[in-house]
Amino acid sequence: RTVDLRVEDHPEPIAEMRRLIVLQRA
Protein backbone atom coordinates (compact mmCIF):
# COMPACT_ATOMS: atom_id res chain seq x y z
CA ARG A 1 0.00 0.00 0.00
CA THR A 2 2.12 2.87 -1.26
CA VAL A 3 -0.60 5.45 -0.50
CA ASP A 4 -3.39 4.89 2.02
CA LEU A 5 -4.81 8.25 3.10
CA ARG A 6 -8.25 9.13 4.44
CA VAL A 7 -9.98 12.34 5.42
CA GLU A 8 -12.86 11.26 7.62
CA ASP A 9 -14.64 14.57 8.33
CA HIS A 10 -13.54 17.93 6.92
CA PRO A 11 -15.30 20.93 5.33
CA GLU A 12 -12.93 20.74 2.34
CA PRO A 13 -11.86 17.09 2.16
CA ILE A 14 -10.16 17.24 -1.23
CA ALA A 15 -8.05 20.25 -0.25
CA GLU A 16 -7.11 18.44 2.95
CA MET A 17 -6.23 15.36 0.90
CA ARG A 18 -3.82 17.44 -1.20
CA ARG A 19 -2.11 18.59 2.00
CA LEU A 20 -1.79 14.98 3.15
CA ILE A 21 -0.40 13.83 -0.21
CA VAL A 22 2.34 16.47 0.04
CA LEU A 23 3.06 15.56 3.65
CA GLN A 24 3.29 11.86 2.83
CA ARG A 25 5.81 12.66 0.10
CA ALA A 26 7.86 14.66 2.61
mmCIF file of all heavy atoms, coordinates in Angstrom:
data_MODEL
# 
_entry.id   MODEL 
# 
loop_
_atom_site.group_PDB 
_atom_site.id 
_atom_site.type_symbol 
_atom_site.label_atom_id 
_atom_site.label_alt_id 
_atom_site.label_comp_id 
_atom_site.label_asym_id 
_atom_site.label_entity_id 
_atom_site.label_seq_id 
_atom_site.pdbx_PDB_ins_code 
_atom_site.Cartn_x 
_atom_site.Cartn_y 
_atom_site.Cartn_z 
_atom_site.occupancy 
_atom_site.B_iso_or_equiv 
_atom_site.pdbx_formal_charge 
_atom_site.auth_seq_id 
_atom_site.auth_comp_id 
_atom_site.auth_asym_id 
_atom_site.auth_atom_id 
_atom_site.pdbx_PDB_model_num 
ATOM 1   N N   . ARG A 1 1  ? 0.862   -1.188 0.000  1.00 0.00 ? 1  ARG A N   1 
ATOM 2   C CA  . ARG A 1 1  ? 0.000   0.000  0.000  1.00 0.00 ? 1  ARG A CA  1 
ATOM 3   C C   . ARG A 1 1  ? 0.894   1.231  0.000  1.00 0.00 ? 1  ARG A C   1 
ATOM 4   O O   . ARG A 1 1  ? 1.326   1.697  1.052  1.00 0.00 ? 1  ARG A O   1 
ATOM 5   C CB  . ARG A 1 1  ? -0.917  -0.002 1.217  1.00 0.00 ? 1  ARG A CB  1 
ATOM 6   C CG  . ARG A 1 1  ? -1.983  -1.071 1.160  1.00 0.00 ? 1  ARG A CG  1 
ATOM 7   C CD  . ARG A 1 1  ? -3.061  -0.835 2.210  1.00 0.00 ? 1  ARG A CD  1 
ATOM 8   N NE  . ARG A 1 1  ? -4.198  -1.709 1.989  1.00 0.00 ? 1  ARG A NE  1 
ATOM 9   C CZ  . ARG A 1 1  ? -5.416  -1.474 2.455  1.00 0.00 ? 1  ARG A CZ  1 
ATOM 10  N NH1 . ARG A 1 1  ? -5.645  -0.380 3.168  1.00 0.00 ? 1  ARG A NH1 1 
ATOM 11  N NH2 . ARG A 1 1  ? -6.405  -2.307 2.211  1.00 0.00 ? 1  ARG A NH2 1 
ATOM 12  N N   . THR A 1 2  ? 1.182   1.747  -1.171 1.00 0.00 ? 2  THR A N   1 
ATOM 13  C CA  . THR A 1 2  ? 2.117   2.869  -1.260 1.00 0.00 ? 2  THR A CA  1 
ATOM 14  C C   . THR A 1 2  ? 1.474   4.190  -0.857 1.00 0.00 ? 2  THR A C   1 
ATOM 15  O O   . THR A 1 2  ? 2.170   5.108  -0.426 1.00 0.00 ? 2  THR A O   1 
ATOM 16  C CB  . THR A 1 2  ? 2.686   2.979  -2.686 1.00 0.00 ? 2  THR A CB  1 
ATOM 17  O OG1 . THR A 1 2  ? 1.616   3.124  -3.631 1.00 0.00 ? 2  THR A OG1 1 
ATOM 18  C CG2 . THR A 1 2  ? 3.485   1.726  -3.042 1.00 0.00 ? 2  THR A CG2 1 
ATOM 19  N N   . VAL A 1 3  ? 0.157   4.303  -0.997 1.00 0.00 ? 3  VAL A N   1 
ATOM 20  C CA  . VAL A 1 3  ? -0.600  5.447  -0.498 1.00 0.00 ? 3  VAL A CA  1 
ATOM 21  C C   . VAL A 1 3  ? -1.886  4.908  0.120  1.00 0.00 ? 3  VAL A C   1 
ATOM 22  O O   . VAL A 1 3  ? -2.594  4.131  -0.509 1.00 0.00 ? 3  VAL A O   1 
ATOM 23  C CB  . VAL A 1 3  ? -0.952  6.466  -1.611 1.00 0.00 ? 3  VAL A CB  1 
ATOM 24  C CG1 . VAL A 1 3  ? -1.786  7.612  -1.052 1.00 0.00 ? 3  VAL A CG1 1 
ATOM 25  C CG2 . VAL A 1 3  ? 0.302   6.996  -2.294 1.00 0.00 ? 3  VAL A CG2 1 
ATOM 26  N N   . ASP A 1 4  ? -2.158  5.307  1.339  1.00 0.00 ? 4  ASP A N   1 
ATOM 27  C CA  . ASP A 1 4  ? -3.394  4.889  2.016  1.00 0.00 ? 4  ASP A CA  1 
ATOM 28  C C   . ASP A 1 4  ? -3.800  6.032  2.939  1.00 0.00 ? 4  ASP A C   1 
ATOM 29  O O   . ASP A 1 4  ? -3.512  6.014  4.134  1.00 0.00 ? 4  ASP A O   1 
ATOM 30  C CB  . ASP A 1 4  ? -3.175  3.596  2.784  1.00 0.00 ? 4  ASP A CB  1 
ATOM 31  C CG  . ASP A 1 4  ? -4.477  3.006  3.326  1.00 0.00 ? 4  ASP A CG  1 
ATOM 32  O OD1 . ASP A 1 4  ? -5.539  3.619  3.082  1.00 0.00 ? 4  ASP A OD1 1 
ATOM 33  O OD2 . ASP A 1 4  ? -4.425  1.962  4.003  1.00 0.00 ? 4  ASP A OD2 1 
ATOM 34  N N   . LEU A 1 5  ? -4.483  7.025  2.375  1.00 0.00 ? 5  LEU A N   1 
ATOM 35  C CA  . LEU A 1 5  ? -4.809  8.249  3.099  1.00 0.00 ? 5  LEU A CA  1 
ATOM 36  C C   . LEU A 1 5  ? -6.317  8.454  3.117  1.00 0.00 ? 5  LEU A C   1 
ATOM 37  O O   . LEU A 1 5  ? -6.995  8.252  2.106  1.00 0.00 ? 5  LEU A O   1 
ATOM 38  C CB  . LEU A 1 5  ? -4.137  9.456  2.453  1.00 0.00 ? 5  LEU A CB  1 
ATOM 39  C CG  . LEU A 1 5  ? -2.601  9.455  2.463  1.00 0.00 ? 5  LEU A CG  1 
ATOM 40  C CD1 . LEU A 1 5  ? -2.067  10.624 1.643  1.00 0.00 ? 5  LEU A CD1 1 
ATOM 41  C CD2 . LEU A 1 5  ? -2.074  9.514  3.897  1.00 0.00 ? 5  LEU A CD2 1 
ATOM 42  N N   . ARG A 1 6  ? -6.819  8.884  4.290  1.00 0.00 ? 6  ARG A N   1 
ATOM 43  C CA  . ARG A 1 6  ? -8.255  9.132  4.438  1.00 0.00 ? 6  ARG A CA  1 
ATOM 44  C C   . ARG A 1 6  ? -8.491  10.421 5.190  1.00 0.00 ? 6  ARG A C   1 
ATOM 45  O O   . ARG A 1 6  ? -7.808  10.724 6.157  1.00 0.00 ? 6  ARG A O   1 
ATOM 46  C CB  . ARG A 1 6  ? -8.900  7.969  5.202  1.00 0.00 ? 6  ARG A CB  1 
ATOM 47  C CG  . ARG A 1 6  ? -9.050  6.725  4.362  1.00 0.00 ? 6  ARG A CG  1 
ATOM 48  C CD  . ARG A 1 6  ? -9.289  5.466  5.147  1.00 0.00 ? 6  ARG A CD  1 
ATOM 49  N NE  . ARG A 1 6  ? -10.263 5.573  6.210  1.00 0.00 ? 6  ARG A NE  1 
ATOM 50  C CZ  . ARG A 1 6  ? -10.683 4.531  6.920  1.00 0.00 ? 6  ARG A CZ  1 
ATOM 51  N NH1 . ARG A 1 6  ? -10.226 3.322  6.657  1.00 0.00 ? 6  ARG A NH1 1 
ATOM 52  N NH2 . ARG A 1 6  ? -11.555 4.698  7.886  1.00 0.00 ? 6  ARG A NH2 1 
ATOM 53  N N   . VAL A 1 7  ? -9.456  11.167 4.707  1.00 0.00 ? 7  VAL A N   1 
ATOM 54  C CA  . VAL A 1 7  ? -9.979  12.340 5.415  1.00 0.00 ? 7  VAL A CA  1 
ATOM 55  C C   . VAL A 1 7  ? -11.382 11.953 5.846  1.00 0.00 ? 7  VAL A C   1 
ATOM 56  O O   . VAL A 1 7  ? -12.267 11.783 5.014  1.00 0.00 ? 7  VAL A O   1 
ATOM 57  C CB  . VAL A 1 7  ? -10.007 13.585 4.504  1.00 0.00 ? 7  VAL A CB  1 
ATOM 58  C CG1 . VAL A 1 7  ? -10.604 14.768 5.246  1.00 0.00 ? 7  VAL A CG1 1 
ATOM 59  C CG2 . VAL A 1 7  ? -8.615  13.909 3.986  1.00 0.00 ? 7  VAL A CG2 1 
ATOM 60  N N   . GLU A 1 8  ? -11.597 11.795 7.140  1.00 0.00 ? 8  GLU A N   1 
ATOM 61  C CA  . GLU A 1 8  ? -12.865 11.261 7.618  1.00 0.00 ? 8  GLU A CA  1 
ATOM 62  C C   . GLU A 1 8  ? -13.963 12.317 7.693  1.00 0.00 ? 8  GLU A C   1 
ATOM 63  O O   . GLU A 1 8  ? -15.125 12.031 7.394  1.00 0.00 ? 8  GLU A O   1 
ATOM 64  C CB  . GLU A 1 8  ? -12.678 10.627 9.001  1.00 0.00 ? 8  GLU A CB  1 
ATOM 65  C CG  . GLU A 1 8  ? -11.535 9.631  9.092  1.00 0.00 ? 8  GLU A CG  1 
ATOM 66  C CD  . GLU A 1 8  ? -11.784 8.332  8.349  1.00 0.00 ? 8  GLU A CD  1 
ATOM 67  O OE1 . GLU A 1 8  ? -12.598 8.301  7.411  1.00 0.00 ? 8  GLU A OE1 1 
ATOM 68  O OE2 . GLU A 1 8  ? -11.148 7.336  8.714  1.00 0.00 ? 8  GLU A OE2 1 
ATOM 69  N N   . ASP A 1 9  ? -13.615 13.537 8.111  1.00 0.00 ? 9  ASP A N   1 
ATOM 70  C CA  . ASP A 1 9  ? -14.637 14.565 8.327  1.00 0.00 ? 9  ASP A CA  1 
ATOM 71  C C   . ASP A 1 9  ? -13.968 15.934 8.228  1.00 0.00 ? 9  ASP A C   1 
ATOM 72  O O   . ASP A 1 9  ? -13.204 16.315 9.128  1.00 0.00 ? 9  ASP A O   1 
ATOM 73  C CB  . ASP A 1 9  ? -15.277 14.371 9.703  1.00 0.00 ? 9  ASP A CB  1 
ATOM 74  C CG  . ASP A 1 9  ? -16.376 15.397 9.986  1.00 0.00 ? 9  ASP A CG  1 
ATOM 75  O OD1 . ASP A 1 9  ? -17.019 15.840 9.022  1.00 0.00 ? 9  ASP A OD1 1 
ATOM 76  O OD2 . ASP A 1 9  ? -16.564 15.747 11.163 1.00 0.00 ? 9  ASP A OD2 1 
ATOM 77  N N   . HIS A 1 10 ? -14.222 16.651 7.146  1.00 0.00 ? 10 HIS A N   1 
ATOM 78  C CA  . HIS A 1 10 ? -13.541 17.932 6.915  1.00 0.00 ? 10 HIS A CA  1 
ATOM 79  C C   . HIS A 1 10 ? -14.412 18.777 5.985  1.00 0.00 ? 10 HIS A C   1 
ATOM 80  O O   . HIS A 1 10 ? -15.024 18.250 5.056  1.00 0.00 ? 10 HIS A O   1 
ATOM 81  C CB  . HIS A 1 10 ? -12.168 17.682 6.277  1.00 0.00 ? 10 HIS A CB  1 
ATOM 82  C CG  . HIS A 1 10 ? -11.255 18.853 6.321  1.00 0.00 ? 10 HIS A CG  1 
ATOM 83  N ND1 . HIS A 1 10 ? -11.342 19.893 5.418  1.00 0.00 ? 10 HIS A ND1 1 
ATOM 84  C CD2 . HIS A 1 10 ? -10.235 19.156 7.165  1.00 0.00 ? 10 HIS A CD2 1 
ATOM 85  C CE1 . HIS A 1 10 ? -10.399 20.783 5.698  1.00 0.00 ? 10 HIS A CE1 1 
ATOM 86  N NE2 . HIS A 1 10 ? -9.715  20.361 6.753  1.00 0.00 ? 10 HIS A NE2 1 
ATOM 87  N N   . PRO A 1 11 ? -14.474 20.091 6.213  1.00 0.00 ? 11 PRO A N   1 
ATOM 88  C CA  . PRO A 1 11 ? -15.304 20.927 5.332  1.00 0.00 ? 11 PRO A CA  1 
ATOM 89  C C   . PRO A 1 11 ? -14.798 20.991 3.903  1.00 0.00 ? 11 PRO A C   1 
ATOM 90  O O   . PRO A 1 11 ? -15.579 21.241 2.976  1.00 0.00 ? 11 PRO A O   1 
ATOM 91  C CB  . PRO A 1 11 ? -15.252 22.310 6.005  1.00 0.00 ? 11 PRO A CB  1 
ATOM 92  C CG  . PRO A 1 11 ? -14.049 22.276 6.883  1.00 0.00 ? 11 PRO A CG  1 
ATOM 93  C CD  . PRO A 1 11 ? -13.911 20.859 7.334  1.00 0.00 ? 11 PRO A CD  1 
ATOM 94  N N   . GLU A 1 12 ? -13.499 20.766 3.686  1.00 0.00 ? 12 GLU A N   1 
ATOM 95  C CA  . GLU A 1 12 ? -12.929 20.736 2.343  1.00 0.00 ? 12 GLU A CA  1 
ATOM 96  C C   . GLU A 1 12 ? -12.037 19.494 2.228  1.00 0.00 ? 12 GLU A C   1 
ATOM 97  O O   . GLU A 1 12 ? -10.809 19.588 2.247  1.00 0.00 ? 12 GLU A O   1 
ATOM 98  C CB  . GLU A 1 12 ? -12.135 22.011 2.059  1.00 0.00 ? 12 GLU A CB  1 
ATOM 99  C CG  . GLU A 1 12 ? -12.988 23.271 2.037  1.00 0.00 ? 12 GLU A CG  1 
ATOM 100 C CD  . GLU A 1 12 ? -12.200 24.499 1.629  1.00 0.00 ? 12 GLU A CD  1 
ATOM 101 O OE1 . GLU A 1 12 ? -11.127 24.339 1.012  1.00 0.00 ? 12 GLU A OE1 1 
ATOM 102 O OE2 . GLU A 1 12 ? -12.651 25.602 1.926  1.00 0.00 ? 12 GLU A OE2 1 
ATOM 103 N N   . PRO A 1 13 ? -12.640 18.329 2.083  1.00 0.00 ? 13 PRO A N   1 
ATOM 104 C CA  . PRO A 1 13 ? -11.864 17.094 2.157  1.00 0.00 ? 13 PRO A CA  1 
ATOM 105 C C   . PRO A 1 13 ? -10.835 16.927 1.048  1.00 0.00 ? 13 PRO A C   1 
ATOM 106 O O   . PRO A 1 13 ? -9.769  16.345 1.283  1.00 0.00 ? 13 PRO A O   1 
ATOM 107 C CB  . PRO A 1 13 ? -12.926 15.996 2.102  1.00 0.00 ? 13 PRO A CB  1 
ATOM 108 C CG  . PRO A 1 13 ? -14.128 16.645 1.484  1.00 0.00 ? 13 PRO A CG  1 
ATOM 109 C CD  . PRO A 1 13 ? -14.083 18.066 1.925  1.00 0.00 ? 13 PRO A CD  1 
ATOM 110 N N   . ILE A 1 14 ? -11.117 17.419 -0.144 1.00 0.00 ? 14 ILE A N   1 
ATOM 111 C CA  . ILE A 1 14 ? -10.156 17.244 -1.231 1.00 0.00 ? 14 ILE A CA  1 
ATOM 112 C C   . ILE A 1 14 ? -8.953  18.155 -1.021 1.00 0.00 ? 14 ILE A C   1 
ATOM 113 O O   . ILE A 1 14 ? -7.798  17.750 -1.248 1.00 0.00 ? 14 ILE A O   1 
ATOM 114 C CB  . ILE A 1 14 ? -10.822 17.488 -2.602 1.00 0.00 ? 14 ILE A CB  1 
ATOM 115 C CG1 . ILE A 1 14 ? -11.923 16.440 -2.827 1.00 0.00 ? 14 ILE A CG1 1 
ATOM 116 C CG2 . ILE A 1 14 ? -9.789  17.395 -3.723 1.00 0.00 ? 14 ILE A CG2 1 
ATOM 117 C CD1 . ILE A 1 14 ? -12.711 16.643 -4.100 1.00 0.00 ? 14 ILE A CD1 1 
ATOM 118 N N   . ALA A 1 15 ? -9.163  19.365 -0.567 1.00 0.00 ? 15 ALA A N   1 
ATOM 119 C CA  . ALA A 1 15 ? -8.050  20.253 -0.249 1.00 0.00 ? 15 ALA A CA  1 
ATOM 120 C C   . ALA A 1 15 ? -7.200  19.661 0.869  1.00 0.00 ? 15 ALA A C   1 
ATOM 121 O O   . ALA A 1 15 ? -5.961  19.720 0.830  1.00 0.00 ? 15 ALA A O   1 
ATOM 122 C CB  . ALA A 1 15 ? -8.570  21.632 0.145  1.00 0.00 ? 15 ALA A CB  1 
ATOM 123 N N   . GLU A 1 16 ? -7.852  19.078 1.869  1.00 0.00 ? 16 GLU A N   1 
ATOM 124 C CA  . GLU A 1 16 ? -7.108  18.440 2.945  1.00 0.00 ? 16 GLU A CA  1 
ATOM 125 C C   . GLU A 1 16 ? -6.340  17.223 2.429  1.00 0.00 ? 16 GLU A C   1 
ATOM 126 O O   . GLU A 1 16 ? -5.211  16.954 2.856  1.00 0.00 ? 16 GLU A O   1 
ATOM 127 C CB  . GLU A 1 16 ? -8.069  18.024 4.065  1.00 0.00 ? 16 GLU A CB  1 
ATOM 128 C CG  . GLU A 1 16 ? -7.447  17.226 5.190  1.00 0.00 ? 16 GLU A CG  1 
ATOM 129 C CD  . GLU A 1 16 ? -6.417  17.988 6.013  1.00 0.00 ? 16 GLU A CD  1 
ATOM 130 O OE1 . GLU A 1 16 ? -6.184  19.191 5.751  1.00 0.00 ? 16 GLU A OE1 1 
ATOM 131 O OE2 . GLU A 1 16 ? -5.821  17.369 6.915  1.00 0.00 ? 16 GLU A OE2 1 
ATOM 132 N N   . MET A 1 17 ? -6.921  16.500 1.483  1.00 0.00 ? 17 MET A N   1 
ATOM 133 C CA  . MET A 1 17 ? -6.230  15.356 0.896  1.00 0.00 ? 17 MET A CA  1 
ATOM 134 C C   . MET A 1 17 ? -4.971  15.807 0.158  1.00 0.00 ? 17 MET A C   1 
ATOM 135 O O   . MET A 1 17 ? -3.927  15.148 0.237  1.00 0.00 ? 17 MET A O   1 
ATOM 136 C CB  . MET A 1 17 ? -7.161  14.606 -0.056 1.00 0.00 ? 17 MET A CB  1 
ATOM 137 C CG  . MET A 1 17 ? -6.521  13.394 -0.723 1.00 0.00 ? 17 MET A CG  1 
ATOM 138 S SD  . MET A 1 17 ? -5.922  12.130 0.432  1.00 0.00 ? 17 MET A SD  1 
ATOM 139 C CE  . MET A 1 17 ? -7.489  11.518 1.062  1.00 0.00 ? 17 MET A CE  1 
ATOM 140 N N   . ARG A 1 18 ? -5.027  16.926 -0.536 1.00 0.00 ? 18 ARG A N   1 
ATOM 141 C CA  . ARG A 1 18 ? -3.822  17.439 -1.204 1.00 0.00 ? 18 ARG A CA  1 
ATOM 142 C C   . ARG A 1 18 ? -2.736  17.734 -0.182 1.00 0.00 ? 18 ARG A C   1 
ATOM 143 O O   . ARG A 1 18 ? -1.561  17.427 -0.406 1.00 0.00 ? 18 ARG A O   1 
ATOM 144 C CB  . ARG A 1 18 ? -4.148  18.679 -2.037 1.00 0.00 ? 18 ARG A CB  1 
ATOM 145 C CG  . ARG A 1 18 ? -2.905  19.292 -2.691 1.00 0.00 ? 18 ARG A CG  1 
ATOM 146 C CD  . ARG A 1 18 ? -3.222  20.254 -3.793 1.00 0.00 ? 18 ARG A CD  1 
ATOM 147 N NE  . ARG A 1 18 ? -3.752  19.610 -4.977 1.00 0.00 ? 18 ARG A NE  1 
ATOM 148 C CZ  . ARG A 1 18 ? -3.003  18.949 -5.864 1.00 0.00 ? 18 ARG A CZ  1 
ATOM 149 N NH1 . ARG A 1 18 ? -1.689  18.828 -5.674 1.00 0.00 ? 18 ARG A NH1 1 
ATOM 150 N NH2 . ARG A 1 18 ? -3.545  18.406 -6.930 1.00 0.00 ? 18 ARG A NH2 1 
ATOM 151 N N   . ARG A 1 19 ? -3.099  18.328 0.949  1.00 0.00 ? 19 ARG A N   1 
ATOM 152 C CA  . ARG A 1 19 ? -2.106  18.594 1.999  1.00 0.00 ? 19 ARG A CA  1 
ATOM 153 C C   . ARG A 1 19 ? -1.480  17.287 2.480  1.00 0.00 ? 19 ARG A C   1 
ATOM 154 O O   . ARG A 1 19 ? -0.253  17.201 2.673  1.00 0.00 ? 19 ARG A O   1 
ATOM 155 C CB  . ARG A 1 19 ? -2.766  19.333 3.170  1.00 0.00 ? 19 ARG A CB  1 
ATOM 156 C CG  . ARG A 1 19 ? -1.777  19.783 4.249  1.00 0.00 ? 19 ARG A CG  1 
ATOM 157 C CD  . ARG A 1 19 ? -2.488  20.355 5.460  1.00 0.00 ? 19 ARG A CD  1 
ATOM 158 N NE  . ARG A 1 19 ? -3.145  19.326 6.251  1.00 0.00 ? 19 ARG A NE  1 
ATOM 159 C CZ  . ARG A 1 19 ? -2.523  18.575 7.166  1.00 0.00 ? 19 ARG A CZ  1 
ATOM 160 N NH1 . ARG A 1 19 ? -1.226  18.748 7.402  1.00 0.00 ? 19 ARG A NH1 1 
ATOM 161 N NH2 . ARG A 1 19 ? -3.189  17.666 7.854  1.00 0.00 ? 19 ARG A NH2 1 
ATOM 162 N N   . LEU A 1 20 ? -2.297  16.252 2.666  1.00 0.00 ? 20 LEU A N   1 
ATOM 163 C CA  . LEU A 1 20 ? -1.787  14.979 3.149  1.00 0.00 ? 20 LEU A CA  1 
ATOM 164 C C   . LEU A 1 20 ? -0.883  14.299 2.120  1.00 0.00 ? 20 LEU A C   1 
ATOM 165 O O   . LEU A 1 20 ? 0.120   13.668 2.484  1.00 0.00 ? 20 LEU A O   1 
ATOM 166 C CB  . LEU A 1 20 ? -2.945  14.056 3.520  1.00 0.00 ? 20 LEU A CB  1 
ATOM 167 C CG  . LEU A 1 20 ? -3.820  14.497 4.691  1.00 0.00 ? 20 LEU A CG  1 
ATOM 168 C CD1 . LEU A 1 20 ? -4.937  13.498 4.921  1.00 0.00 ? 20 LEU A CD1 1 
ATOM 169 C CD2 . LEU A 1 20 ? -2.995  14.697 5.955  1.00 0.00 ? 20 LEU A CD2 1 
ATOM 170 N N   . ILE A 1 21 ? -1.233  14.415 0.837  1.00 0.00 ? 21 ILE A N   1 
ATOM 171 C CA  . ILE A 1 21 ? -0.397  13.831 -0.210 1.00 0.00 ? 21 ILE A CA  1 
ATOM 172 C C   . ILE A 1 21 ? 0.991   14.454 -0.186 1.00 0.00 ? 21 ILE A C   1 
ATOM 173 O O   . ILE A 1 21 ? 2.022   13.767 -0.292 1.00 0.00 ? 21 ILE A O   1 
ATOM 174 C CB  . ILE A 1 21 ? -1.049  14.015 -1.594 1.00 0.00 ? 21 ILE A CB  1 
ATOM 175 C CG1 . ILE A 1 21 ? -2.283  13.105 -1.740 1.00 0.00 ? 21 ILE A CG1 1 
ATOM 176 C CG2 . ILE A 1 21 ? -0.050  13.744 -2.718 1.00 0.00 ? 21 ILE A CG2 1 
ATOM 177 C CD1 . ILE A 1 21 ? -1.984  11.645 -1.892 1.00 0.00 ? 21 ILE A CD1 1 
ATOM 178 N N   . VAL A 1 22 ? 1.042   15.779 -0.032 1.00 0.00 ? 22 VAL A N   1 
ATOM 179 C CA  . VAL A 1 22 ? 2.338   16.471 0.036  1.00 0.00 ? 22 VAL A CA  1 
ATOM 180 C C   . VAL A 1 22 ? 3.102   16.038 1.281  1.00 0.00 ? 22 VAL A C   1 
ATOM 181 O O   . VAL A 1 22 ? 4.309   15.774 1.235  1.00 0.00 ? 22 VAL A O   1 
ATOM 182 C CB  . VAL A 1 22 ? 2.136   17.997 0.018  1.00 0.00 ? 22 VAL A CB  1 
ATOM 183 C CG1 . VAL A 1 22 ? 3.452   18.727 0.281  1.00 0.00 ? 22 VAL A CG1 1 
ATOM 184 C CG2 . VAL A 1 22 ? 1.547   18.449 -1.319 1.00 0.00 ? 22 VAL A CG2 1 
ATOM 185 N N   . LEU A 1 23 ? 2.404   15.937 2.407  1.00 0.00 ? 23 LEU A N   1 
ATOM 186 C CA  . LEU A 1 23 ? 3.062   15.558 3.649  1.00 0.00 ? 23 LEU A CA  1 
ATOM 187 C C   . LEU A 1 23 ? 3.581   14.127 3.574  1.00 0.00 ? 23 LEU A C   1 
ATOM 188 O O   . LEU A 1 23 ? 4.681   13.823 4.068  1.00 0.00 ? 23 LEU A O   1 
ATOM 189 C CB  . LEU A 1 23 ? 2.089   15.710 4.819  1.00 0.00 ? 23 LEU A CB  1 
ATOM 190 C CG  . LEU A 1 23 ? 2.681   15.572 6.219  1.00 0.00 ? 23 LEU A CG  1 
ATOM 191 C CD1 . LEU A 1 23 ? 3.782   16.591 6.463  1.00 0.00 ? 23 LEU A CD1 1 
ATOM 192 C CD2 . LEU A 1 23 ? 1.575   15.722 7.266  1.00 0.00 ? 23 LEU A CD2 1 
ATOM 193 N N   . GLN A 1 24 ? 2.811   13.236 2.969  1.00 0.00 ? 24 GLN A N   1 
ATOM 194 C CA  . GLN A 1 24 ? 3.292   11.864 2.832  1.00 0.00 ? 24 GLN A CA  1 
ATOM 195 C C   . GLN A 1 24 ? 4.564   11.822 1.991  1.00 0.00 ? 24 GLN A C   1 
ATOM 196 O O   . GLN A 1 24 ? 5.506   11.082 2.304  1.00 0.00 ? 24 GLN A O   1 
ATOM 197 C CB  . GLN A 1 24 ? 2.233   10.967 2.187  1.00 0.00 ? 24 GLN A CB  1 
ATOM 198 C CG  . GLN A 1 24 ? 2.712   9.511  2.135  1.00 0.00 ? 24 GLN A CG  1 
ATOM 199 C CD  . GLN A 1 24 ? 1.861   8.618  1.309  1.00 0.00 ? 24 GLN A CD  1 
ATOM 200 O OE1 . GLN A 1 24 ? 1.444   8.977  0.219  1.00 0.00 ? 24 GLN A OE1 1 
ATOM 201 N NE2 . GLN A 1 24 ? 1.608   7.414  1.801  1.00 0.00 ? 24 GLN A NE2 1 
ATOM 202 N N   . ARG A 1 25 ? 4.608   12.616 0.932  1.00 0.00 ? 25 ARG A N   1 
ATOM 203 C CA  . ARG A 1 25 ? 5.815   12.657 0.104  1.00 0.00 ? 25 ARG A CA  1 
ATOM 204 C C   . ARG A 1 25 ? 7.009   13.158 0.915  1.00 0.00 ? 25 ARG A C   1 
ATOM 205 O O   . ARG A 1 25 ? 8.123   12.642 0.779  1.00 0.00 ? 25 ARG A O   1 
ATOM 206 C CB  . ARG A 1 25 ? 5.570   13.556 -1.118 1.00 0.00 ? 25 ARG A CB  1 
ATOM 207 C CG  . ARG A 1 25 ? 6.780   13.700 -2.042 1.00 0.00 ? 25 ARG A CG  1 
ATOM 208 C CD  . ARG A 1 25 ? 7.282   12.366 -2.529 1.00 0.00 ? 25 ARG A CD  1 
ATOM 209 N NE  . ARG A 1 25 ? 8.457   12.486 -3.366 1.00 0.00 ? 25 ARG A NE  1 
ATOM 210 C CZ  . ARG A 1 25 ? 9.366   11.520 -3.529 1.00 0.00 ? 25 ARG A CZ  1 
ATOM 211 N NH1 . ARG A 1 25 ? 9.231   10.364 -2.902 1.00 0.00 ? 25 ARG A NH1 1 
ATOM 212 N NH2 . ARG A 1 25 ? 10.412  11.709 -4.299 1.00 0.00 ? 25 ARG A NH2 1 
ATOM 213 N N   . ALA A 1 26 ? 6.780   14.146 1.779  1.00 0.00 ? 26 ALA A N   1 
ATOM 214 C CA  . ALA A 1 26 ? 7.858   14.660 2.610  1.00 0.00 ? 26 ALA A CA  1 
ATOM 215 C C   . ALA A 1 26 ? 8.394   13.564 3.528  1.00 0.00 ? 26 ALA A C   1 
ATOM 216 O O   . ALA A 1 26 ? 9.615   13.387 3.670  1.00 0.00 ? 26 ALA A O   1 
ATOM 217 C CB  . ALA A 1 26 ? 7.370   15.853 3.423  1.00 0.00 ? 26 ALA A CB  1 
# 
